[in-house]
Amino acid sequence: MSKLDNTFGQQTVSQQQREEKIRRVFKLVAPRYDLMNDFMSFATHRIWKRFFVNFINFKSTDIIVDLAGGTGDIARKLVSKGANVIVVDPSVEMMRAGVEANSLQVVNVAATGEKRV
């Protein structure tokens, strides 16, 4: 366990409270998450993601799992290049925001990297 496991900002919280608070933050920001990334990174995150998508090699038979995939923006870029992608994220709201904002759909699974939610 790290020192961060029992903190949320300046508060000391239980691990369960920390997880609940983090989930609440992502639930609240989900509809504007990608726009927030544009502002916070001055849109450079788009360059990084495009580089990543163009950098990886995959076969059409591969299945790519995007852990903590959020709104699925990277997954959709990969799908547009012929990849089979599954987005795994604990925030249903984040994945829903991605589905509502885009016509290109991906498979979404509500889960953490450790367990299904």
Protein backbone atom coordinates (compact mmCIF):
# COMPACT_ATOMS: atom_id res chain seq x y z
CA MET A 1 0.00 0.00 0.00
CA SER A 2 1.36 3.45 -0.92
CA LYS A 3 0.87 6.70 0.97
CA LEU A 4 -1.65 7.79 -1.67
CA ASP A 5 -3.98 4.86 -1.04
CA ASN A 6 -5.61 6.67 1.89
CA THR A 7 -5.71 10.21 0.53
CA PHE A 8 -7.98 12.30 -1.64
CA GLY A 9 -6.49 15.73 -2.11
CA GLN A 10 -5.53 16.87 1.37
CA GLN A 11 -8.03 14.54 3.07
CA THR A 12 -7.22 11.26 4.72
CA VAL A 13 -9.86 8.73 3.67
CA SER A 14 -10.36 4.99 3.62
CA GLN A 15 -9.53 3.14 0.41
CA GLN A 16 -13.24 2.66 -0.24
CA GLN A 17 -13.98 6.37 0.29
CA ARG A 18 -11.08 7.25 -2.01
CA GLU A 19 -12.42 5.04 -4.77
CA GLU A 20 -15.94 6.46 -4.35
CA LYS A 21 -14.65 10.04 -4.51
CA ILE A 22 -12.59 9.33 -7.62
CA ARG A 23 -15.59 7.67 -9.29
CA ARG A 24 -17.72 10.70 -8.42
CA VAL A 25 -15.20 13.07 -10.03
CA PHE A 26 -15.18 11.10 -13.28
CA LYS A 27 -18.97 10.87 -13.23
CA LEU A 28 -19.22 14.65 -12.96
CA VAL A 29 -16.63 15.50 -15.62
CA ALA A 30 -17.51 12.75 -18.11
CA PRO A 31 -19.59 14.89 -20.51
CA ARG A 32 -16.74 17.39 -20.89
CA TYR A 33 -13.71 15.19 -20.23
CA ASP A 34 -12.24 15.29 -23.75
CA LEU A 35 -12.77 19.06 -23.97
CA MET A 36 -11.07 19.48 -20.57
CA ASN A 37 -8.10 17.49 -21.88
CA ASP A 38 -7.90 19.86 -24.86
CA PHE A 39 -7.71 22.88 -22.57
CA MET A 40 -5.40 21.38 -19.95
CA SER A 41 -2.89 20.03 -22.48
CA PHE A 42 -3.33 22.79 -25.07
CA ALA A 43 -4.52 19.92 -27.31
CA THR A 44 -1.11 18.21 -27.24
CA HIS A 45 -2.79 15.04 -25.92
CA ARG A 46 -4.29 14.68 -29.40
CA ILE A 47 -0.78 14.64 -30.92
CA TRP A 48 0.39 12.02 -28.40
CA LYS A 49 -2.63 9.84 -29.05
CA ARG A 50 -2.30 10.11 -32.83
CA PHE A 51 1.39 9.19 -32.53
CA PHE A 52 0.53 6.21 -30.34
CA VAL A 53 -2.13 4.93 -32.75
CA ASN A 54 0.22 5.28 -35.70
CA PHE A 55 3.12 3.71 -33.79
CA ILE A 56 1.61 0.41 -32.70
CA ASN A 57 1.46 -2.54 -35.04
CA PHE A 58 -1.48 -4.89 -34.94
CA LYS A 59 -3.08 -7.54 -37.08
CA SER A 60 -6.76 -7.47 -37.93
CA THR A 61 -7.15 -10.62 -35.83
CA ASP A 62 -5.66 -9.02 -32.70
CA ILE A 63 -7.85 -7.85 -29.86
CA ILE A 64 -6.57 -4.71 -28.17
CA VAL A 65 -7.71 -3.98 -24.62
CA ASP A 66 -7.65 -0.29 -23.70
CA LEU A 67 -7.47 -0.27 -19.88
CA ALA A 68 -8.78 2.94 -18.31
CA GLY A 69 -9.98 3.84 -21.80
CA GLY A 70 -12.44 6.45 -20.57
CA THR A 71 -14.38 7.98 -23.45
CA GLY A 72 -12.73 5.60 -25.92
CA ASP A 73 -11.06 8.25 -28.04
CA ILE A 74 -7.92 6.15 -28.59
CA ALA A 75 -9.99 3.02 -29.15
CA ARG A 76 -12.05 4.69 -31.88
CA LYS A 77 -8.88 5.83 -33.64
CA LEU A 78 -7.66 2.23 -33.56
CA VAL A 79 -11.02 0.89 -34.78
CA SER A 80 -10.93 3.33 -37.69
CA LYS A 81 -7.62 1.65 -38.68
CA GLY A 82 -9.18 -1.83 -38.55
CA ALA A 83 -8.41 -2.86 -34.97
CA ASN A 84 -10.68 -4.86 -32.67
CA VAL A 85 -10.74 -2.89 -29.41
CA ILE A 86 -12.36 -3.38 -26.02
CA VAL A 87 -12.43 -0.37 -23.69
CA VAL A 88 -12.24 -1.31 -20.02
CA ASP A 89 -13.01 1.50 -17.59
CA PRO A 90 -14.73 1.66 -14.20
CA SER A 91 -16.70 4.77 -15.21
CA VAL A 92 -19.84 3.92 -17.13
CA GLU A 93 -20.44 7.65 -17.49
CA MET A 94 -17.10 8.17 -19.23
CA MET A 95 -17.78 5.37 -21.69
CA ARG A 96 -21.34 6.64 -22.25
CA ALA A 97 -20.00 10.13 -23.02
CA GLY A 98 -17.77 8.61 -25.69
CA VAL A 99 -20.65 6.67 -27.22
CA GLU A 100 -22.92 9.71 -27.29
CA ALA A 101 -20.28 11.95 -28.84
CA ASN A 102 -19.14 9.61 -31.63
CA SER A 103 -20.67 7.52 -34.35
CA LEU A 104 -17.81 5.00 -34.43
CA GLN A 105 -18.57 2.54 -31.65
CA VAL A 106 -16.28 0.32 -29.62
CA VAL A 107 -16.98 -2.48 -27.15
CA ASN A 108 -17.16 -1.10 -23.59
CA VAL A 109 -16.75 -3.12 -20.38
CA ALA A 110 -17.29 -1.54 -16.95
CA ALA A 111 -14.39 -2.87 -14.88
CA THR A 112 -11.15 -1.91 -13.22
CA GLY A 113 -7.89 -3.46 -14.27
CA GLU A 114 -8.23 -5.80 -11.31
CA LYS A 115 -11.92 -6.75 -11.32
CA ARG A 116 -15.23 -6.31 -13.08
CA VAL A 117 -17.38 -3.52 -11.58
